[in-house]
C-alpha atoms as a PDB file:
ATOM      1  CA  MET A   1       2.938  31.049   6.613  1.00  0.00           C
ATOM      2  CA  ILE A   2       5.120  27.918   6.419  1.00  0.00           C
ATOM      3  CA  LYS A   3       2.420  25.808   8.056  1.00  0.00           C
ATOM      4  CA  ASN A   4      -0.121  27.147   5.565  1.00  0.00           C
ATOM      5  CA  PHE A   5       2.263  26.457   2.652  1.00  0.00           C
ATOM      6  CA  LYS A   6       2.866  22.881   3.831  1.00  0.00           C
ATOM      7  CA  SER A   7      -0.875  22.371   4.044  1.00  0.00           C
ATOM      8  CA  TRP A   8      -1.297  23.779   0.526  1.00  0.00           C
ATOM      9  CA  ILE A   9       1.425  21.524  -0.904  1.00  0.00           C
ATOM     10  CA  LYS A  10      -0.116  18.451   0.729  1.00  0.00           C
ATOM     11  CA  SER A  11      -3.629  19.303  -0.488  1.00  0.00           C
ATOM     12  CA  ALA A  12      -2.433  20.143  -4.012  1.00  0.00           C
ATOM     13  CA  LEU A  13      -0.460  16.885  -4.300  1.00  0.00           C
ATOM     14  CA  VAL A  14      -3.400  14.833  -3.020  1.00  0.00           C
ATOM     15  CA  ARG A  15      -5.656  16.466  -5.619  1.00  0.00           C
ATOM     16  CA  ALA A  16      -3.094  15.887  -8.376  1.00  0.00           C
ATOM     17  CA  ALA A  17      -2.709  12.216  -7.400  1.00  0.00           C
ATOM     18  CA  LYS A  18      -6.476  11.728  -7.417  1.00  0.00           C
ATOM     19  CA  THR A  19      -6.735  13.446 -10.797  1.00  0.00           C
ATOM     20  CA  PHE A  20      -3.941  11.223 -12.166  1.00  0.00           C
ATOM     21  CA  ALA A  21      -5.703   8.081 -10.927  1.00  0.00           C
ATOM     22  CA  GLN A  22      -9.105   9.157 -12.236  1.00  0.00           C
ATOM     23  CA  THR A  23      -7.734   9.983 -15.671  1.00  0.00           C
ATOM     24  CA  PHE A  24      -5.645   6.814 -15.848  1.00  0.00           C
ATOM     25  CA  LEU A  25      -8.500   4.555 -14.733  1.00  0.00           C
ATOM     26  CA  SER A  26     -10.950   6.160 -17.139  1.00  0.00           C
ATOM     27  CA  MET A  27      -8.640   5.787 -20.148  1.00  0.00           C
ATOM     28  CA  VAL A  28      -7.854   2.092 -19.685  1.00  0.00           C
ATOM     29  CA  PRO A  29     -11.367   0.778 -20.432  1.00  0.00           C
ATOM     30  CA  MET A  30     -11.818   3.385 -23.187  1.00  0.00           C
ATOM     31  CA  GLY A  31      -8.697   2.160 -24.963  1.00  0.00           C
ATOM     32  CA  ALA A  32      -9.644  -1.468 -24.511  1.00  0.00           C
ATOM     33  CA  ALA A  33     -13.208  -0.970 -25.708  1.00  0.00           C
ATOM     34  CA  PHE A  34     -12.637   1.316 -28.682  1.00  0.00           C
ATOM     35  CA  LEU A  35      -9.131   0.453 -29.868  1.00  0.00           C
ATOM     36  CA  GLY A  36      -8.943  -3.183 -28.868  1.00  0.00           C
ATOM     37  CA  GLU A  37      -5.839  -2.585 -26.774  1.00  0.00           C
ATOM     38  CA  VAL A  38      -4.595   0.027 -24.337  1.00  0.00           C
ATOM     39  CA  ASN A  39      -1.928   2.467 -25.519  1.00  0.00           C
ATOM     40  CA  TRP A  40      -0.023   2.680 -22.226  1.00  0.00           C
ATOM     41  CA  GLY A  41       2.178   5.570 -23.317  1.00  0.00           C
ATOM     42  CA  LEU A  42      -0.802   7.691 -24.265  1.00  0.00           C
ATOM     43  CA  THR A  43      -2.671   6.683 -21.122  1.00  0.00           C
ATOM     44  CA  LEU A  44       0.220   7.569 -18.818  1.00  0.00           C
ATOM     45  CA  SER A  45       1.000  10.841 -20.582  1.00  0.00           C
ATOM     46  CA  ALA A  46      -2.648  11.949 -20.503  1.00  0.00           C
ATOM     47  CA  ALA A  47      -2.865  11.140 -16.785  1.00  0.00           C
ATOM     48  CA  ALA A  48       0.404  12.980 -16.114  1.00  0.00           C
ATOM     49  CA  LEU A  49      -0.821  16.027 -18.033  1.00  0.00           C
ATOM     50  CA  ALA A  50      -4.056  15.984 -16.031  1.00  0.00           C
ATOM     51  CA  ALA A  51      -2.039  15.912 -12.787  1.00  0.00           C
ATOM     52  CA  VAL A  52       0.118  18.859 -13.899  1.00  0.00           C
ATOM     53  CA  LEU A  53      -2.984  20.829 -14.861  1.00  0.00           C
ATOM     54  CA  SER A  54      -4.490  20.029 -11.472  1.00  0.00           C
ATOM     55  CA  LEU A  55      -1.412  21.499  -9.777  1.00  0.00           C
ATOM     56  CA  ALA A  56      -1.609  24.579 -12.001  1.00  0.00           C
ATOM     57  CA  THR A  57      -5.273  25.030 -11.103  1.00  0.00           C
ATOM     58  CA  SER A  58      -4.438  24.674  -7.406  1.00  0.00           C
ATOM     59  CA  VAL A  59      -2.230  27.774  -7.599  1.00  0.00           C
ATOM     60  CA  ALA A  60      -5.429  29.839  -7.775  1.00  0.00           C
ATOM     61  CA  GLY A  61      -6.388  28.458  -4.373  1.00  0.00           C
ATOM     62  CA  LEU A  62      -7.688  25.410  -2.628  1.00  0.00           C
ATOM     63  CA  PRO A  63     -10.846  25.451  -0.528  1.00  0.00           C
ATOM     64  CA  GLU A  64      -9.255  22.934   1.849  1.00  0.00           C
ATOM     65  CA  VAL A  65      -6.545  25.436   2.822  1.00  0.00           C
ATOM     66  CA  LYS A  66      -7.425  28.609   4.690  1.00  0.00           C
ATOM     67  CA  ASP A  67      -5.803  31.769   3.415  1.00  0.00           C
ATOM     68  CA  GLU A  68      -3.412  33.696   5.646  1.00  0.00           C
ATOM     69  CA  GLU A  69      -5.966  36.363   6.628  1.00  0.00           C
ATOM     70  CA  THR A  70      -8.371  33.731   7.934  1.00  0.00           C
ATOM     71  CA  VAL A  71      -5.619  31.952   9.865  1.00  0.00           C
ATOM     72  CA  GLU A  72      -4.479  35.229  11.477  1.00  0.00           C
ATOM     73  CA  LYS A  73      -8.041  36.190  12.456  1.00  0.00           C
ATOM     74  CA  ASP A  74      -8.656  32.763  14.030  1.00  0.00           C
ATOM     75  CA  GLU A  75      -5.584  32.953  16.252  1.00  0.00           C
END
């Protein structure tokens, strides 16, 4: 169980970090192109919100992490 939980935490944090980076990197050129300058506060808060939502979505399950029943059957 603990091993599975550690794997879930690692996978969820990796997904959240990737989501943060994707959101951040997509908002920088949008702000520069449409507004003439980047609103860093808005960009960072939108990326942070995306990361939090990614973590919330991960609670439903991650395909990278086997559930406990599968782990028990494999052993």
